[in-house]
Amino acid sequence: MPTGKLEVLLVGSKGLENTDFLVNMDPYVTVTCRTQEQRSSVASGQGCEPEWNETFVFSITGDVSEINLKIMDKDAGSNDDFVGEATIPLEPLFMEGSLPPTVYNVVKDQEYRGEIKVGLTFTSERDGDREFYAE
C-alpha cells in the first residue's frame, strides 16, 4: 500500500440543503482519513454555496482506501446540524498522483443533497526518495 502525504484542497460546495430556516447556515467540513480528522473553518453566513479554499495534509500509511468529508452547519446554542457527506475513493489518486478539483456528490440518508469540490494530491515517500537520488 502507498505511504506518503495526502493533500486535500477543500474548494467549496453548491446546492446544499439549508438546515437553518430563517438565516443562512454556517457550514464547515470535517475531513477524515482513517483515524486522522481535521476541520475546516466555518463559512459564516455563506449558506448553501460556501467557499473554503483550505488545504489539509494527512500522513498515509497502511491500508487507506478513501477519505470522508462530512458537512455540518454550526449552530449557536444547540447541536450542529448534519448537512451531508461525501466519500472519495483514493485508488485513482494513488495511480495518478494528483486529481484536479473535482465535484463529488453530497448525500444524506442515501439521497443527493448537493455537491462538494475537492482537489487531491498524493506525494509518495518512494517518489521523494527517487528524486533525491536522481540529483
N, C-alpha and C. Protein backbone atom coordinates (compact mmCIF):
# COMPACT_ATOMS: atom_id res chain seq x y z
N MET A 1 0.84 -1.20 0.00
CA MET A 1 0.00 0.00 0.00
C MET A 1 0.87 1.25 0.00
N PRO A 2 0.37 2.31 -0.57
CA PRO A 2 1.15 3.55 -0.65
C PRO A 2 1.42 4.16 0.72
N THR A 3 2.57 4.79 0.81
CA THR A 3 2.93 5.54 2.01
C THR A 3 3.38 6.91 1.55
N GLY A 4 2.88 7.95 2.20
CA GLY A 4 3.27 9.29 1.80
C GLY A 4 2.36 10.35 2.40
N LYS A 5 2.23 11.44 1.65
CA LYS A 5 1.50 12.61 2.13
C LYS A 5 0.30 12.86 1.21
N LEU A 6 -0.87 13.01 1.81
CA LEU A 6 -2.10 13.32 1.08
C LEU A 6 -2.47 14.76 1.36
N GLU A 7 -2.60 15.56 0.29
CA GLU A 7 -3.07 16.94 0.43
C GLU A 7 -4.48 17.02 -0.11
N VAL A 8 -5.39 17.56 0.70
CA VAL A 8 -6.79 17.71 0.32
C VAL A 8 -7.08 19.20 0.22
N LEU A 9 -7.42 19.66 -1.00
CA LEU A 9 -7.81 21.06 -1.20
C LEU A 9 -9.33 21.12 -1.19
N LEU A 10 -9.88 21.69 -0.13
CA LEU A 10 -11.32 21.85 0.00
C LEU A 10 -11.69 23.18 -0.64
N VAL A 11 -12.33 23.13 -1.81
CA VAL A 11 -12.65 24.35 -2.56
C VAL A 11 -13.96 24.96 -2.08
N GLY A 12 -15.07 24.23 -2.24
CA GLY A 12 -16.37 24.77 -1.84
C GLY A 12 -17.49 23.78 -2.12
N SER A 13 -18.72 24.22 -1.88
CA SER A 13 -19.90 23.39 -2.10
C SER A 13 -20.97 24.19 -2.82
N LYS A 14 -21.87 23.47 -3.47
CA LYS A 14 -23.01 24.10 -4.14
C LYS A 14 -24.25 23.24 -3.94
N GLY A 15 -25.39 23.91 -3.91
CA GLY A 15 -26.66 23.20 -3.88
C GLY A 15 -26.96 22.47 -2.60
N LEU A 16 -26.32 22.87 -1.50
CA LEU A 16 -26.57 22.20 -0.23
C LEU A 16 -27.97 22.53 0.28
N GLU A 17 -28.53 21.62 1.05
CA GLU A 17 -29.83 21.85 1.66
C GLU A 17 -29.64 22.75 2.88
N ASN A 18 -30.37 23.85 2.93
CA ASN A 18 -30.25 24.78 4.05
C ASN A 18 -30.93 24.20 5.28
N THR A 19 -30.17 24.01 6.35
CA THR A 19 -30.73 23.42 7.57
C THR A 19 -31.24 24.51 8.52
N ASP A 20 -30.98 25.77 8.20
CA ASP A 20 -31.49 26.89 9.00
C ASP A 20 -32.65 27.54 8.25
N PHE A 21 -33.75 27.77 8.92
CA PHE A 21 -34.95 28.23 8.23
C PHE A 21 -34.98 29.74 8.00
N LEU A 22 -34.52 30.53 8.93
CA LEU A 22 -34.66 31.98 8.81
C LEU A 22 -33.37 32.68 8.39
N VAL A 23 -32.25 32.02 8.54
CA VAL A 23 -30.96 32.65 8.22
C VAL A 23 -30.13 31.69 7.37
N ASN A 24 -29.07 32.20 6.76
CA ASN A 24 -28.14 31.33 6.03
C ASN A 24 -27.39 30.45 7.02
N MET A 25 -27.17 29.22 6.62
CA MET A 25 -26.41 28.33 7.50
C MET A 25 -24.92 28.69 7.47
N ASP A 26 -24.20 28.18 8.46
CA ASP A 26 -22.77 28.44 8.64
C ASP A 26 -22.03 27.11 8.53
N PRO A 27 -21.78 26.64 7.30
CA PRO A 27 -21.23 25.30 7.13
C PRO A 27 -19.71 25.20 7.38
N TYR A 28 -19.33 24.02 7.83
CA TYR A 28 -17.92 23.65 7.93
C TYR A 28 -17.81 22.19 7.56
N VAL A 29 -16.57 21.73 7.30
CA VAL A 29 -16.36 20.36 6.85
C VAL A 29 -15.37 19.67 7.77
N THR A 30 -15.69 18.43 8.14
CA THR A 30 -14.75 17.57 8.86
C THR A 30 -14.21 16.57 7.84
N VAL A 31 -12.88 16.59 7.64
CA VAL A 31 -12.23 15.68 6.70
C VAL A 31 -11.58 14.56 7.51
N THR A 32 -11.96 13.31 7.19
CA THR A 32 -11.44 12.16 7.93
C THR A 32 -10.71 11.22 6.99
N CYS A 33 -9.50 10.88 7.38
CA CYS A 33 -8.68 9.91 6.66
C CYS A 33 -8.27 8.86 7.68
N ARG A 34 -8.98 7.76 7.67
CA ARG A 34 -8.82 6.69 8.65
C ARG A 34 -9.01 7.22 10.07
N THR A 35 -7.95 7.31 10.88
CA THR A 35 -8.11 7.80 12.25
C THR A 35 -7.76 9.28 12.38
N GLN A 36 -7.28 9.91 11.30
CA GLN A 36 -6.92 11.32 11.34
C GLN A 36 -8.13 12.16 10.94
N GLU A 37 -8.35 13.24 11.70
CA GLU A 37 -9.51 14.09 11.40
C GLU A 37 -9.10 15.55 11.50
N GLN A 38 -9.51 16.35 10.52
CA GLN A 38 -9.24 17.78 10.53
C GLN A 38 -10.53 18.51 10.17
N ARG A 39 -10.63 19.75 10.65
CA ARG A 39 -11.86 20.51 10.45
C ARG A 39 -11.57 21.84 9.78
N SER A 40 -12.41 22.21 8.83
CA SER A 40 -12.27 23.48 8.13
C SER A 40 -12.75 24.62 9.04
N SER A 41 -12.52 25.83 8.57
CA SER A 41 -13.10 26.98 9.25
C SER A 41 -14.61 27.00 8.95
N VAL A 42 -15.34 27.78 9.71
CA VAL A 42 -16.78 27.91 9.49
C VAL A 42 -17.00 29.01 8.44
N ALA A 43 -17.74 28.68 7.38
CA ALA A 43 -18.06 29.66 6.32
C ALA A 43 -19.29 30.44 6.79
N SER A 44 -19.07 31.39 7.67
CA SER A 44 -20.18 32.10 8.33
C SER A 44 -21.09 32.80 7.33
N GLY A 45 -22.37 32.49 7.42
CA GLY A 45 -23.38 33.15 6.61
C GLY A 45 -23.33 32.87 5.12
N GLN A 46 -22.51 31.89 4.69
CA GLN A 46 -22.39 31.62 3.26
C GLN A 46 -23.46 30.66 2.75
N GLY A 47 -24.27 30.12 3.65
CA GLY A 47 -25.43 29.34 3.27
C GLY A 47 -25.13 28.10 2.46
N CYS A 48 -25.87 27.93 1.36
CA CYS A 48 -25.82 26.70 0.55
C CYS A 48 -24.70 26.69 -0.48
N GLU A 49 -23.92 27.77 -0.59
CA GLU A 49 -22.85 27.85 -1.59
C GLU A 49 -21.54 28.31 -0.95
N PRO A 50 -21.08 27.62 0.10
CA PRO A 50 -19.87 28.08 0.82
C PRO A 50 -18.59 27.85 0.02
N GLU A 51 -17.60 28.69 0.29
CA GLU A 51 -16.25 28.51 -0.26
C GLU A 51 -15.28 28.52 0.90
N TRP A 52 -14.34 27.56 0.87
CA TRP A 52 -13.34 27.49 1.93
C TRP A 52 -11.94 27.74 1.38
N ASN A 53 -11.57 27.09 0.29
CA ASN A 53 -10.22 27.18 -0.27
C ASN A 53 -9.16 26.95 0.80
N GLU A 54 -9.29 25.82 1.48
CA GLU A 54 -8.35 25.43 2.53
C GLU A 54 -7.71 24.10 2.17
N THR A 55 -6.46 23.93 2.60
CA THR A 55 -5.73 22.70 2.33
C THR A 55 -5.44 21.97 3.64
N PHE A 56 -5.64 20.65 3.61
CA PHE A 56 -5.38 19.79 4.76
C PHE A 56 -4.37 18.74 4.34
N VAL A 57 -3.46 18.39 5.25
CA VAL A 57 -2.42 17.40 4.94
C VAL A 57 -2.56 16.22 5.90
N PHE A 58 -2.55 15.02 5.31
CA PHE A 58 -2.65 13.79 6.09
C PHE A 58 -1.45 12.89 5.76
N SER A 59 -0.99 12.11 6.75
CA SER A 59 0.03 11.09 6.52
C SER A 59 -0.67 9.80 6.15
N ILE A 60 -0.23 9.22 5.04
CA ILE A 60 -0.83 7.97 4.57
C ILE A 60 0.14 6.83 4.86
N THR A 61 -0.30 5.88 5.66
CA THR A 61 0.45 4.66 5.91
C THR A 61 -0.54 3.52 6.00
N GLY A 62 -0.16 2.39 5.50
CA GLY A 62 -1.04 1.23 5.62
C GLY A 62 -2.19 1.26 4.63
N ASP A 63 -3.27 0.64 5.04
CA ASP A 63 -4.39 0.37 4.15
C ASP A 63 -5.43 1.48 4.22
N VAL A 64 -5.26 2.52 3.40
CA VAL A 64 -6.21 3.62 3.33
C VAL A 64 -6.82 3.61 1.94
N SER A 65 -8.16 3.49 1.86
CA SER A 65 -8.79 3.38 0.55
C SER A 65 -9.69 4.57 0.22
N GLU A 66 -10.02 5.41 1.23
CA GLU A 66 -10.93 6.52 0.98
C GLU A 66 -10.77 7.60 2.04
N ILE A 67 -11.31 8.79 1.72
CA ILE A 67 -11.45 9.85 2.71
C ILE A 67 -12.94 10.19 2.78
N ASN A 68 -13.34 10.72 3.92
CA ASN A 68 -14.73 11.09 4.12
C ASN A 68 -14.81 12.56 4.47
N LEU A 69 -15.73 13.27 3.82
CA LEU A 69 -15.96 14.68 4.11
C LEU A 69 -17.38 14.82 4.64
N LYS A 70 -17.49 15.31 5.85
CA LYS A 70 -18.80 15.48 6.49
C LYS A 70 -19.07 16.97 6.61
N ILE A 71 -20.17 17.42 6.01
CA ILE A 71 -20.54 18.84 6.07
C ILE A 71 -21.52 19.04 7.22
N MET A 72 -21.20 20.01 8.06
CA MET A 72 -22.01 20.32 9.23
C MET A 72 -22.39 21.80 9.19
N ASP A 73 -23.48 22.15 9.86
CA ASP A 73 -23.92 23.53 9.99
C ASP A 73 -23.74 23.94 11.45
N LYS A 74 -22.87 24.93 11.66
CA LYS A 74 -22.58 25.42 13.01
C LYS A 74 -23.79 26.16 13.56
N ASP A 75 -24.26 25.72 14.71
CA ASP A 75 -25.41 26.36 15.36
C ASP A 75 -25.00 26.84 16.74
N ALA A 76 -25.35 28.08 17.06
CA ALA A 76 -25.09 28.60 18.40
C ALA A 76 -26.21 28.14 19.33
N GLY A 77 -25.84 27.62 20.47
CA GLY A 77 -26.83 27.26 21.47
C GLY A 77 -27.48 25.90 21.30
N SER A 78 -27.15 25.18 20.21
CA SER A 78 -27.68 23.82 20.04
C SER A 78 -26.66 22.99 19.28
N ASN A 79 -26.94 21.70 19.14
CA ASN A 79 -26.02 20.83 18.42
C ASN A 79 -25.94 21.25 16.95
N ASP A 80 -24.75 21.10 16.36
CA ASP A 80 -24.58 21.40 14.95
C ASP A 80 -25.40 20.42 14.12
N ASP A 81 -25.91 20.89 12.98
CA ASP A 81 -26.74 20.05 12.11
C ASP A 81 -25.89 19.34 11.07
N PHE A 82 -26.20 18.07 10.83
CA PHE A 82 -25.56 17.28 9.78
C PHE A 82 -26.22 17.65 8.45
N VAL A 83 -25.40 18.13 7.49
CA VAL A 83 -25.92 18.54 6.19
C VAL A 83 -25.82 17.40 5.19
N GLY A 84 -24.68 16.70 5.18
CA GLY A 84 -24.47 15.59 4.26
C GLY A 84 -23.00 15.22 4.25
N GLU A 85 -22.66 14.19 3.47
CA GLU A 85 -21.26 13.76 3.41
C GLU A 85 -20.92 13.21 2.04
N ALA A 86 -19.63 13.18 1.78
CA ALA A 86 -19.10 12.60 0.54
C ALA A 86 -17.95 11.69 0.89
N THR A 87 -17.90 10.54 0.24
CA THR A 87 -16.79 9.61 0.42
C THR A 87 -16.04 9.55 -0.90
N ILE A 88 -14.73 9.78 -0.84
CA ILE A 88 -13.91 9.84 -2.05
C ILE A 88 -12.92 8.68 -2.05
N PRO A 89 -13.01 7.79 -3.05
CA PRO A 89 -12.04 6.69 -3.14
C PRO A 89 -10.67 7.23 -3.52
N LEU A 90 -9.62 6.66 -2.94
CA LEU A 90 -8.26 7.15 -3.17
C LEU A 90 -7.50 6.36 -4.23
N GLU A 91 -8.01 5.22 -4.67
CA GLU A 91 -7.29 4.39 -5.64
C GLU A 91 -6.90 5.18 -6.91
N PRO A 92 -7.83 5.95 -7.53
CA PRO A 92 -7.44 6.72 -8.72
C PRO A 92 -6.32 7.73 -8.42
N LEU A 93 -6.35 8.29 -7.21
CA LEU A 93 -5.32 9.25 -6.82
C LEU A 93 -3.96 8.58 -6.71
N PHE A 94 -3.91 7.39 -6.11
CA PHE A 94 -2.64 6.69 -5.97
C PHE A 94 -2.05 6.34 -7.33
N MET A 95 -2.90 6.11 -8.33
CA MET A 95 -2.41 5.79 -9.67
C MET A 95 -1.96 7.05 -10.42
N GLU A 96 -2.67 8.17 -10.24
CA GLU A 96 -2.38 9.40 -10.99
C GLU A 96 -1.40 10.34 -10.28
N GLY A 97 -1.42 10.35 -8.95
CA GLY A 97 -0.56 11.27 -8.20
C GLY A 97 -1.29 12.54 -7.80
N SER A 98 -2.15 13.04 -8.69
CA SER A 98 -2.96 14.21 -8.32
C SER A 98 -4.25 14.21 -9.14
N LEU A 99 -5.28 14.75 -8.54
CA LEU A 99 -6.56 14.91 -9.21
C LEU A 99 -6.97 16.37 -9.08
N PRO A 100 -7.26 17.05 -10.19
CA PRO A 100 -7.65 18.46 -10.12
C PRO A 100 -8.96 18.59 -9.35
N PRO A 101 -9.29 19.81 -8.91
CA PRO A 101 -10.56 19.97 -8.19
C PRO A 101 -11.72 19.35 -8.96
N THR A 102 -12.38 18.41 -8.31
CA THR A 102 -13.43 17.60 -8.90
C THR A 102 -14.67 17.70 -8.03
N VAL A 103 -15.84 17.63 -8.66
CA VAL A 103 -17.11 17.70 -7.92
C VAL A 103 -17.55 16.29 -7.52
N TYR A 104 -17.89 16.15 -6.25
CA TYR A 104 -18.39 14.88 -5.71
C TYR A 104 -19.78 15.13 -5.11
N ASN A 105 -20.65 14.13 -5.22
CA ASN A 105 -22.00 14.24 -4.67
C ASN A 105 -21.98 14.21 -3.15
N VAL A 106 -22.79 15.07 -2.55
CA VAL A 106 -23.02 15.07 -1.11
C VAL A 106 -24.33 14.32 -0.88
N VAL A 107 -24.30 13.33 0.01
CA VAL A 107 -25.51 12.54 0.28
C VAL A 107 -25.86 12.57 1.76
N LYS A 108 -27.16 12.43 2.01
CA LYS A 108 -27.68 12.31 3.38
C LYS A 108 -28.88 11.38 3.27
N ASP A 109 -28.92 10.35 4.10
CA ASP A 109 -29.98 9.34 4.03
C ASP A 109 -30.09 8.75 2.63
N GLN A 110 -28.96 8.52 2.00
CA GLN A 110 -28.84 7.93 0.66
C GLN A 110 -29.50 8.78 -0.44
N GLU A 111 -29.68 10.08 -0.17
CA GLU A 111 -30.24 10.98 -1.17
C GLU A 111 -29.25 12.09 -1.49
N TYR A 112 -29.27 12.56 -2.74
CA TYR A 112 -28.42 13.65 -3.20
C TYR A 112 -28.79 14.93 -2.46
N ARG A 113 -27.77 15.60 -1.89
CA ARG A 113 -28.01 16.83 -1.12
C ARG A 113 -27.10 17.98 -1.56
N GLY A 114 -26.56 17.90 -2.79
CA GLY A 114 -25.67 18.95 -3.26
C GLY A 114 -24.34 18.37 -3.69
N GLU A 115 -23.34 19.24 -3.82
CA GLU A 115 -22.03 18.77 -4.25
C GLU A 115 -20.93 19.52 -3.53
N ILE A 116 -19.76 18.87 -3.50
CA ILE A 116 -18.59 19.46 -2.87
C ILE A 116 -17.43 19.32 -3.84
N LYS A 117 -16.61 20.37 -3.94
CA LYS A 117 -15.49 20.38 -4.89
C LYS A 117 -14.18 20.24 -4.11
N VAL A 118 -13.41 19.21 -4.50
CA VAL A 118 -12.19 18.86 -3.76
C VAL A 118 -11.08 18.51 -4.74
N GLY A 119 -9.88 19.01 -4.50
CA GLY A 119 -8.69 18.61 -5.26
C GLY A 119 -7.80 17.75 -4.37
N LEU A 120 -7.13 16.77 -4.96
CA LEU A 120 -6.30 15.84 -4.18
C LEU A 120 -4.91 15.72 -4.78
N THR A 121 -3.91 15.66 -3.93
CA THR A 121 -2.53 15.41 -4.36
C THR A 121 -1.91 14.40 -3.42
N PHE A 122 -1.25 13.39 -3.99
CA PHE A 122 -0.56 12.39 -3.18
C PHE A 122 0.92 12.42 -3.54
N THR A 123 1.76 12.55 -2.53
CA THR A 123 3.21 12.51 -2.71
C THR A 123 3.73 11.26 -2.01
N SER A 124 4.19 10.30 -2.81
CA SER A 124 4.70 9.05 -2.26
C SER A 124 6.07 9.28 -1.65
N GLU A 125 6.34 8.62 -0.54
CA GLU A 125 7.67 8.71 0.06
C GLU A 125 8.71 8.13 -0.90
N ARG A 126 8.34 7.09 -1.63
CA ARG A 126 9.29 6.50 -2.58
C ARG A 126 9.61 7.46 -3.72
N ASP A 127 8.59 8.21 -4.21
CA ASP A 127 8.85 9.19 -5.26
C ASP A 127 9.87 10.21 -4.79
N GLY A 128 9.69 10.67 -3.54
CA GLY A 128 10.62 11.65 -2.99
C GLY A 128 12.03 11.09 -2.91
N ASP A 129 12.17 9.81 -2.53
CA ASP A 129 13.49 9.19 -2.45
C ASP A 129 14.13 9.13 -3.84
N ARG A 130 13.33 8.76 -4.85
CA ARG A 130 13.87 8.65 -6.20
C ARG A 130 14.38 9.99 -6.70
N GLU A 131 13.61 11.03 -6.46
CA GLU A 131 14.03 12.38 -6.88
C GLU A 131 15.30 12.79 -6.16
N PHE A 132 15.40 12.42 -4.91
CA PHE A 132 16.58 12.79 -4.13
C PHE A 132 17.84 12.12 -4.71
N TYR A 133 17.75 10.83 -5.04
CA TYR A 133 18.91 10.13 -5.55
C TYR A 133 19.22 10.49 -7.00
N ALA A 134 18.23 10.98 -7.74
CA ALA A 134 18.44 11.33 -9.13
C ALA A 134 19.29 12.58 -9.29
N GLU A 135 19.34 13.40 -8.28
CA GLU A 135 20.06 14.69 -8.41
C GLU A 135 21.56 14.51 -8.43
